[in-house]
N, C-alpha and C. Protein backbone atom coordinates (compact mmCIF):
# COMPACT_ATOMS: atom_id res chain seq x y z
N MET A 1 0.81 -1.20 0.00
CA MET A 1 0.00 0.00 0.00
C MET A 1 0.85 1.26 0.00
N LEU A 2 2.14 1.09 -0.06
CA LEU A 2 3.02 2.26 -0.09
C LEU A 2 3.44 2.63 -1.51
N VAL A 3 2.81 2.01 -2.50
CA VAL A 3 3.08 2.35 -3.90
C VAL A 3 1.98 3.32 -4.35
N PRO A 4 2.33 4.59 -4.55
CA PRO A 4 1.30 5.59 -4.84
C PRO A 4 0.40 5.25 -6.03
N ALA A 5 0.94 4.64 -7.06
CA ALA A 5 0.16 4.37 -8.28
C ALA A 5 -1.00 3.39 -8.03
N ILE A 6 -0.87 2.50 -7.05
CA ILE A 6 -1.92 1.51 -6.81
C ILE A 6 -2.61 1.66 -5.46
N GLN A 7 -2.15 2.60 -4.65
CA GLN A 7 -2.65 2.68 -3.28
C GLN A 7 -4.17 2.87 -3.21
N LEU A 8 -4.71 3.85 -3.90
CA LEU A 8 -6.14 4.13 -3.80
C LEU A 8 -6.97 2.95 -4.29
N ASP A 9 -6.59 2.37 -5.41
CA ASP A 9 -7.34 1.21 -5.92
C ASP A 9 -7.31 0.05 -4.93
N LEU A 10 -6.16 -0.17 -4.32
CA LEU A 10 -6.03 -1.24 -3.34
C LEU A 10 -6.86 -0.95 -2.09
N GLN A 11 -6.84 0.30 -1.63
CA GLN A 11 -7.64 0.68 -0.46
C GLN A 11 -9.13 0.47 -0.73
N ILE A 12 -9.59 0.93 -1.86
CA ILE A 12 -11.01 0.79 -2.20
C ILE A 12 -11.39 -0.68 -2.32
N MET A 13 -10.53 -1.47 -2.96
CA MET A 13 -10.81 -2.90 -3.09
C MET A 13 -10.92 -3.56 -1.71
N LEU A 14 -9.99 -3.25 -0.82
CA LEU A 14 -10.03 -3.83 0.52
C LEU A 14 -11.28 -3.39 1.29
N LEU A 15 -11.64 -2.13 1.16
CA LEU A 15 -12.83 -1.64 1.86
C LEU A 15 -14.10 -2.28 1.30
N GLU A 16 -14.14 -2.53 -0.01
CA GLU A 16 -15.31 -3.18 -0.61
C GLU A 16 -15.38 -4.66 -0.22
N LYS A 17 -14.24 -5.29 0.04
CA LYS A 17 -14.21 -6.70 0.45
C LYS A 17 -14.50 -6.85 1.95
N LEU A 18 -14.35 -5.80 2.70
CA LEU A 18 -14.48 -5.85 4.16
C LEU A 18 -15.78 -6.50 4.64
N PRO A 19 -16.95 -6.17 4.07
CA PRO A 19 -18.19 -6.81 4.54
C PRO A 19 -18.20 -8.33 4.43
N GLU A 20 -17.42 -8.89 3.55
CA GLU A 20 -17.35 -10.35 3.42
C GLU A 20 -16.78 -10.99 4.68
N TYR A 21 -16.06 -10.20 5.47
CA TYR A 21 -15.39 -10.73 6.65
C TYR A 21 -16.05 -10.33 7.96
N PHE A 22 -17.23 -9.72 7.87
CA PHE A 22 -17.96 -9.40 9.09
C PHE A 22 -18.43 -10.71 9.71
N ASP A 23 -18.22 -10.85 10.99
CA ASP A 23 -18.71 -12.03 11.70
C ASP A 23 -20.12 -11.71 12.17
N THR A 24 -21.10 -12.19 11.45
CA THR A 24 -22.49 -11.88 11.77
C THR A 24 -23.12 -12.89 12.72
N ASN A 25 -22.36 -13.88 13.16
CA ASN A 25 -22.90 -14.90 14.05
C ASN A 25 -22.93 -14.51 15.51
N SER A 26 -22.27 -13.42 15.85
CA SER A 26 -22.24 -13.02 17.25
C SER A 26 -22.48 -11.53 17.39
N VAL A 27 -22.90 -11.15 18.57
CA VAL A 27 -23.14 -9.74 18.85
C VAL A 27 -21.81 -8.99 18.93
N ASP A 28 -20.81 -9.61 19.53
CA ASP A 28 -19.51 -8.99 19.71
C ASP A 28 -18.44 -9.97 19.26
N SER A 29 -17.92 -9.78 18.07
CA SER A 29 -16.98 -10.74 17.50
C SER A 29 -15.66 -10.80 18.26
N ARG A 30 -15.37 -9.81 19.06
CA ARG A 30 -14.13 -9.87 19.82
C ARG A 30 -14.12 -11.06 20.77
N THR A 31 -15.30 -11.51 21.15
CA THR A 31 -15.35 -12.65 22.07
C THR A 31 -15.23 -13.98 21.35
N THR A 32 -15.44 -13.99 20.03
CA THR A 32 -15.40 -15.26 19.30
C THR A 32 -14.23 -15.38 18.35
N LEU A 33 -13.63 -14.28 17.96
CA LEU A 33 -12.54 -14.32 16.99
C LEU A 33 -11.25 -13.77 17.60
N SER A 34 -10.16 -14.47 17.36
CA SER A 34 -8.87 -13.92 17.75
C SER A 34 -8.47 -12.90 16.68
N LEU A 35 -7.50 -12.08 17.00
CA LEU A 35 -7.06 -11.07 16.04
C LEU A 35 -6.61 -11.71 14.73
N GLU A 36 -5.98 -12.86 14.82
CA GLU A 36 -5.49 -13.53 13.61
C GLU A 36 -6.64 -13.99 12.72
N ASP A 37 -7.80 -14.26 13.32
CA ASP A 37 -8.94 -14.75 12.56
C ASP A 37 -9.90 -13.64 12.14
N ASP A 38 -9.76 -12.48 12.71
CA ASP A 38 -10.66 -11.36 12.41
C ASP A 38 -10.07 -10.56 11.26
N VAL A 39 -10.34 -11.00 10.05
CA VAL A 39 -9.76 -10.40 8.86
C VAL A 39 -10.19 -8.94 8.71
N ALA A 40 -11.41 -8.62 9.08
CA ALA A 40 -11.89 -7.24 8.98
C ALA A 40 -11.02 -6.31 9.82
N ARG A 41 -10.73 -6.71 11.05
CA ARG A 41 -9.87 -5.87 11.91
C ARG A 41 -8.45 -5.80 11.38
N LEU A 42 -7.96 -6.88 10.82
CA LEU A 42 -6.62 -6.88 10.25
C LEU A 42 -6.52 -5.90 9.08
N ILE A 43 -7.56 -5.86 8.26
CA ILE A 43 -7.57 -4.91 7.13
C ILE A 43 -7.55 -3.49 7.66
N ILE A 44 -8.41 -3.18 8.61
CA ILE A 44 -8.47 -1.83 9.16
C ILE A 44 -7.15 -1.44 9.81
N ASP A 45 -6.52 -2.37 10.50
CA ASP A 45 -5.23 -2.08 11.14
C ASP A 45 -4.16 -1.67 10.12
N GLN A 46 -4.25 -2.20 8.91
CA GLN A 46 -3.26 -1.83 7.89
C GLN A 46 -3.36 -0.35 7.51
N PHE A 47 -4.56 0.20 7.57
CA PHE A 47 -4.74 1.61 7.23
C PHE A 47 -4.16 2.52 8.31
N ARG A 48 -4.09 2.04 9.54
CA ARG A 48 -3.56 2.86 10.64
C ARG A 48 -2.09 3.19 10.45
N TRP A 49 -1.34 2.32 9.83
CA TRP A 49 0.11 2.47 9.81
C TRP A 49 0.65 3.00 8.49
N LEU A 50 -0.21 3.50 7.63
CA LEU A 50 0.27 4.06 6.37
C LEU A 50 1.03 5.36 6.62
N ASP A 51 2.15 5.52 5.94
CA ASP A 51 2.94 6.75 6.07
C ASP A 51 2.27 7.91 5.36
N PHE A 52 1.53 7.63 4.30
CA PHE A 52 0.86 8.66 3.53
C PHE A 52 -0.37 8.05 2.87
N VAL A 53 -1.30 8.91 2.51
CA VAL A 53 -2.49 8.49 1.76
C VAL A 53 -2.53 9.34 0.49
N VAL A 54 -2.57 8.67 -0.64
CA VAL A 54 -2.50 9.35 -1.94
C VAL A 54 -3.70 10.27 -2.15
N ASP A 55 -4.90 9.77 -1.94
CA ASP A 55 -6.12 10.55 -2.13
C ASP A 55 -6.96 10.45 -0.86
N PRO A 56 -6.65 11.28 0.13
CA PRO A 56 -7.32 11.14 1.43
C PRO A 56 -8.83 11.38 1.37
N ASN A 57 -9.29 12.26 0.52
CA ASN A 57 -10.73 12.53 0.46
C ASN A 57 -11.52 11.34 -0.05
N THR A 58 -11.07 10.73 -1.13
CA THR A 58 -11.75 9.57 -1.68
C THR A 58 -11.69 8.40 -0.71
N PHE A 59 -10.52 8.17 -0.13
CA PHE A 59 -10.36 7.10 0.83
C PHE A 59 -11.28 7.30 2.04
N THR A 60 -11.31 8.51 2.56
CA THR A 60 -12.15 8.80 3.73
C THR A 60 -13.62 8.61 3.41
N ASP A 61 -14.06 9.07 2.25
CA ASP A 61 -15.46 8.88 1.85
C ASP A 61 -15.82 7.40 1.81
N LYS A 62 -14.97 6.59 1.21
CA LYS A 62 -15.23 5.15 1.10
C LYS A 62 -15.20 4.49 2.48
N LEU A 63 -14.26 4.88 3.32
CA LEU A 63 -14.16 4.32 4.67
C LEU A 63 -15.42 4.65 5.47
N LEU A 64 -15.91 5.86 5.37
CA LEU A 64 -17.11 6.25 6.11
C LEU A 64 -18.35 5.52 5.59
N GLN A 65 -18.39 5.22 4.31
CA GLN A 65 -19.49 4.42 3.77
C GLN A 65 -19.48 3.03 4.38
N VAL A 66 -18.31 2.44 4.47
CA VAL A 66 -18.19 1.09 5.02
C VAL A 66 -18.51 1.08 6.51
N VAL A 67 -18.06 2.10 7.23
CA VAL A 67 -18.31 2.17 8.67
C VAL A 67 -19.81 2.12 8.95
N SER A 68 -20.59 2.75 8.12
CA SER A 68 -22.04 2.82 8.37
C SER A 68 -22.70 1.44 8.35
N ILE A 69 -22.08 0.44 7.72
CA ILE A 69 -22.68 -0.91 7.67
C ILE A 69 -21.94 -1.93 8.52
N CYS A 70 -20.91 -1.51 9.20
CA CYS A 70 -20.11 -2.43 10.03
C CYS A 70 -20.88 -2.91 11.24
N PRO A 71 -20.55 -4.09 11.73
CA PRO A 71 -21.10 -4.52 13.02
C PRO A 71 -20.59 -3.57 14.11
N LEU A 72 -21.31 -3.50 15.20
CA LEU A 72 -21.03 -2.52 16.24
C LEU A 72 -19.60 -2.57 16.75
N TYR A 73 -19.07 -3.77 17.02
CA TYR A 73 -17.71 -3.85 17.57
C TYR A 73 -16.69 -3.24 16.61
N LEU A 74 -16.84 -3.47 15.31
CA LEU A 74 -15.91 -2.96 14.32
C LEU A 74 -16.15 -1.47 14.07
N LYS A 75 -17.39 -1.07 14.09
CA LYS A 75 -17.73 0.35 13.93
C LYS A 75 -17.06 1.17 15.02
N LYS A 76 -17.14 0.69 16.27
CA LYS A 76 -16.51 1.41 17.38
C LYS A 76 -15.00 1.49 17.19
N GLU A 77 -14.41 0.39 16.77
CA GLU A 77 -12.96 0.36 16.58
C GLU A 77 -12.52 1.30 15.46
N ILE A 78 -13.23 1.30 14.35
CA ILE A 78 -12.86 2.17 13.23
C ILE A 78 -13.04 3.63 13.61
N ILE A 79 -14.16 3.96 14.23
CA ILE A 79 -14.41 5.35 14.62
C ILE A 79 -13.33 5.83 15.58
N GLY A 80 -12.99 5.00 16.55
CA GLY A 80 -11.94 5.38 17.48
C GLY A 80 -10.59 5.54 16.82
N SER A 81 -10.38 4.86 15.71
CA SER A 81 -9.10 4.91 14.99
C SER A 81 -9.09 5.96 13.88
N LEU A 82 -10.20 6.59 13.61
CA LEU A 82 -10.25 7.55 12.49
C LEU A 82 -9.15 8.61 12.54
N PRO A 83 -8.89 9.23 13.70
CA PRO A 83 -7.81 10.24 13.69
C PRO A 83 -6.46 9.68 13.25
N GLU A 84 -6.16 8.44 13.61
CA GLU A 84 -4.92 7.81 13.18
C GLU A 84 -4.96 7.46 11.70
N ILE A 85 -6.10 6.99 11.25
CA ILE A 85 -6.22 6.52 9.87
C ILE A 85 -6.19 7.69 8.89
N ILE A 86 -6.96 8.73 9.17
CA ILE A 86 -7.07 9.82 8.20
C ILE A 86 -6.05 10.91 8.40
N GLY A 87 -5.49 11.02 9.61
CA GLY A 87 -4.46 12.03 9.86
C GLY A 87 -5.00 13.44 9.69
N ASP A 88 -4.11 14.35 9.36
CA ASP A 88 -4.49 15.75 9.15
C ASP A 88 -4.82 15.95 7.68
N GLN A 89 -6.08 16.23 7.43
CA GLN A 89 -6.49 16.42 6.05
C GLN A 89 -7.65 17.39 5.98
N SER A 90 -7.96 17.76 4.77
CA SER A 90 -9.00 18.76 4.55
C SER A 90 -10.41 18.19 4.62
N SER A 91 -10.57 16.88 4.64
CA SER A 91 -11.92 16.31 4.63
C SER A 91 -12.48 16.11 6.04
N ASN A 92 -11.91 16.77 7.03
CA ASN A 92 -12.42 16.62 8.38
C ASN A 92 -13.86 17.10 8.51
N ASN A 93 -14.29 18.05 7.67
CA ASN A 93 -15.69 18.48 7.68
C ASN A 93 -16.61 17.30 7.37
N ALA A 94 -16.27 16.53 6.37
CA ALA A 94 -17.07 15.37 6.00
C ALA A 94 -17.05 14.33 7.12
N VAL A 95 -15.91 14.17 7.76
CA VAL A 95 -15.80 13.21 8.86
C VAL A 95 -16.69 13.63 10.01
N VAL A 96 -16.64 14.89 10.39
CA VAL A 96 -17.46 15.40 11.50
C VAL A 96 -18.94 15.24 11.16
N ASP A 97 -19.34 15.61 9.95
CA ASP A 97 -20.74 15.47 9.55
C ASP A 97 -21.18 14.01 9.56
N SER A 98 -20.33 13.13 9.05
CA SER A 98 -20.67 11.72 9.01
C SER A 98 -20.76 11.13 10.42
N LEU A 99 -19.84 11.48 11.28
CA LEU A 99 -19.88 10.98 12.66
C LEU A 99 -21.12 11.50 13.39
N ASP A 100 -21.47 12.74 13.13
CA ASP A 100 -22.70 13.27 13.73
C ASP A 100 -23.92 12.50 13.26
N GLN A 101 -23.98 12.20 11.98
CA GLN A 101 -25.10 11.43 11.43
C GLN A 101 -25.16 10.04 12.06
N MET A 102 -24.00 9.38 12.17
CA MET A 102 -23.97 8.06 12.79
C MET A 102 -24.40 8.12 14.26
N LEU A 103 -24.00 9.18 14.93
CA LEU A 103 -24.37 9.34 16.33
C LEU A 103 -25.87 9.53 16.49
N GLN A 104 -26.49 10.21 15.54
CA GLN A 104 -27.94 10.39 15.57
C GLN A 104 -28.66 9.05 15.40
N GLU A 105 -28.05 8.14 14.65
CA GLU A 105 -28.67 6.86 14.35
C GLU A 105 -28.39 5.79 15.41
N ASP A 106 -27.27 5.92 16.13
CA ASP A 106 -26.86 4.87 17.05
C ASP A 106 -26.15 5.47 18.26
N SER A 107 -26.84 5.51 19.38
CA SER A 107 -26.25 6.12 20.58
C SER A 107 -25.19 5.23 21.23
N GLU A 108 -25.06 3.99 20.80
CA GLU A 108 -24.05 3.09 21.37
C GLU A 108 -22.62 3.46 20.96
N ILE A 109 -22.49 4.36 19.99
CA ILE A 109 -21.15 4.73 19.53
C ILE A 109 -20.70 6.07 20.08
N ILE A 110 -21.39 6.57 21.08
CA ILE A 110 -21.08 7.91 21.58
C ILE A 110 -19.64 8.04 22.09
N VAL A 111 -19.15 7.05 22.81
CA VAL A 111 -17.79 7.14 23.37
C VAL A 111 -16.74 7.20 22.26
N PRO A 112 -16.74 6.29 21.28
CA PRO A 112 -15.71 6.40 20.24
C PRO A 112 -15.87 7.67 19.38
N VAL A 113 -17.11 8.13 19.19
CA VAL A 113 -17.30 9.36 18.41
C VAL A 113 -16.71 10.55 19.16
N LEU A 114 -17.00 10.66 20.46
CA LEU A 114 -16.43 11.76 21.23
C LEU A 114 -14.91 11.68 21.28
N ASP A 115 -14.39 10.47 21.39
CA ASP A 115 -12.95 10.27 21.38
C ASP A 115 -12.36 10.72 20.03
N ALA A 116 -13.01 10.35 18.95
CA ALA A 116 -12.54 10.76 17.62
C ALA A 116 -12.61 12.27 17.48
N PHE A 117 -13.70 12.88 17.93
CA PHE A 117 -13.82 14.35 17.86
C PHE A 117 -12.66 15.01 18.60
N SER A 118 -12.32 14.49 19.77
CA SER A 118 -11.27 15.12 20.56
C SER A 118 -9.88 14.93 19.96
N ASN A 119 -9.70 13.91 19.13
CA ASN A 119 -8.39 13.63 18.56
C ASN A 119 -8.22 14.09 17.12
N LEU A 120 -9.30 14.55 16.49
CA LEU A 120 -9.18 15.08 15.13
C LEU A 120 -8.55 16.46 15.18
N ASN A 121 -7.75 16.76 14.20
CA ASN A 121 -7.14 18.08 14.11
C ASN A 121 -8.13 19.00 13.37
N LEU A 122 -8.90 19.76 14.15
CA LEU A 122 -9.96 20.59 13.59
C LEU A 122 -9.61 22.06 13.72
N ASP A 123 -10.02 22.83 12.71
CA ASP A 123 -9.84 24.27 12.82
C ASP A 123 -10.87 24.83 13.81
N GLU A 124 -10.76 26.09 14.12
CA GLU A 124 -11.62 26.69 15.14
C GLU A 124 -13.10 26.61 14.80
N MET A 125 -13.43 26.80 13.53
CA MET A 125 -14.83 26.74 13.11
C MET A 125 -15.39 25.32 13.27
N MET A 126 -14.59 24.31 12.92
CA MET A 126 -15.03 22.92 13.08
C MET A 126 -15.14 22.54 14.56
N GLN A 127 -14.25 23.08 15.39
CA GLN A 127 -14.34 22.82 16.83
C GLN A 127 -15.65 23.36 17.38
N GLU A 128 -16.05 24.52 16.90
CA GLU A 128 -17.32 25.11 17.33
C GLU A 128 -18.50 24.25 16.86
N GLN A 129 -18.42 23.74 15.63
CA GLN A 129 -19.47 22.88 15.11
C GLN A 129 -19.58 21.60 15.94
N VAL A 130 -18.44 21.00 16.29
CA VAL A 130 -18.45 19.81 17.13
C VAL A 130 -19.04 20.13 18.49
N HIS A 131 -18.68 21.27 19.04
CA HIS A 131 -19.24 21.67 20.33
C HIS A 131 -20.75 21.76 20.25
N CYS A 132 -21.27 22.29 19.15
CA CYS A 132 -22.72 22.36 18.97
C CYS A 132 -23.35 20.97 18.88
N TYR A 133 -22.68 20.07 18.18
CA TYR A 133 -23.18 18.70 18.07
C TYR A 133 -23.27 18.04 19.45
N VAL A 134 -22.22 18.21 20.23
CA VAL A 134 -22.11 17.52 21.50
C VAL A 134 -23.03 18.14 22.57
N PHE A 135 -23.04 19.45 22.64
CA PHE A 135 -23.75 20.12 23.72
C PHE A 135 -25.07 20.76 23.30
N GLY A 136 -25.49 20.49 22.09
CA GLY A 136 -26.77 21.04 21.60
C GLY A 136 -26.55 22.35 20.90
N LYS A 137 -27.51 22.71 20.11
CA LYS A 137 -27.36 23.89 19.26
C LYS A 137 -27.93 25.12 19.89
């Protein structure tokens, strides 16, 4: 994934394959799968350690699409890892909006969303928007 010419295509392919590895037999796959057997988590972990992302906006959009359909355990893990995965980039507005939407749909992800909000590198205007999301408008 460190070859710029193929990185985005490889990232998108992996994200599109991710649902094939969701463990739908249990409520919390962490109790039934070891890390070596949890292919979905292994794929996500690879994104955490990238030195650079060729097209961060496209990658972030695709990642957020996949997060919306993930099982709860994986959704929490990805959301908590978003600041590491996406780093400092211009698409933080889309990330904040998407996390707010997910939070409106599922209150079980409040802790990882708040953690992600606190660790994202946001400009002053985005910090104010997050404050409004968290504490009401």
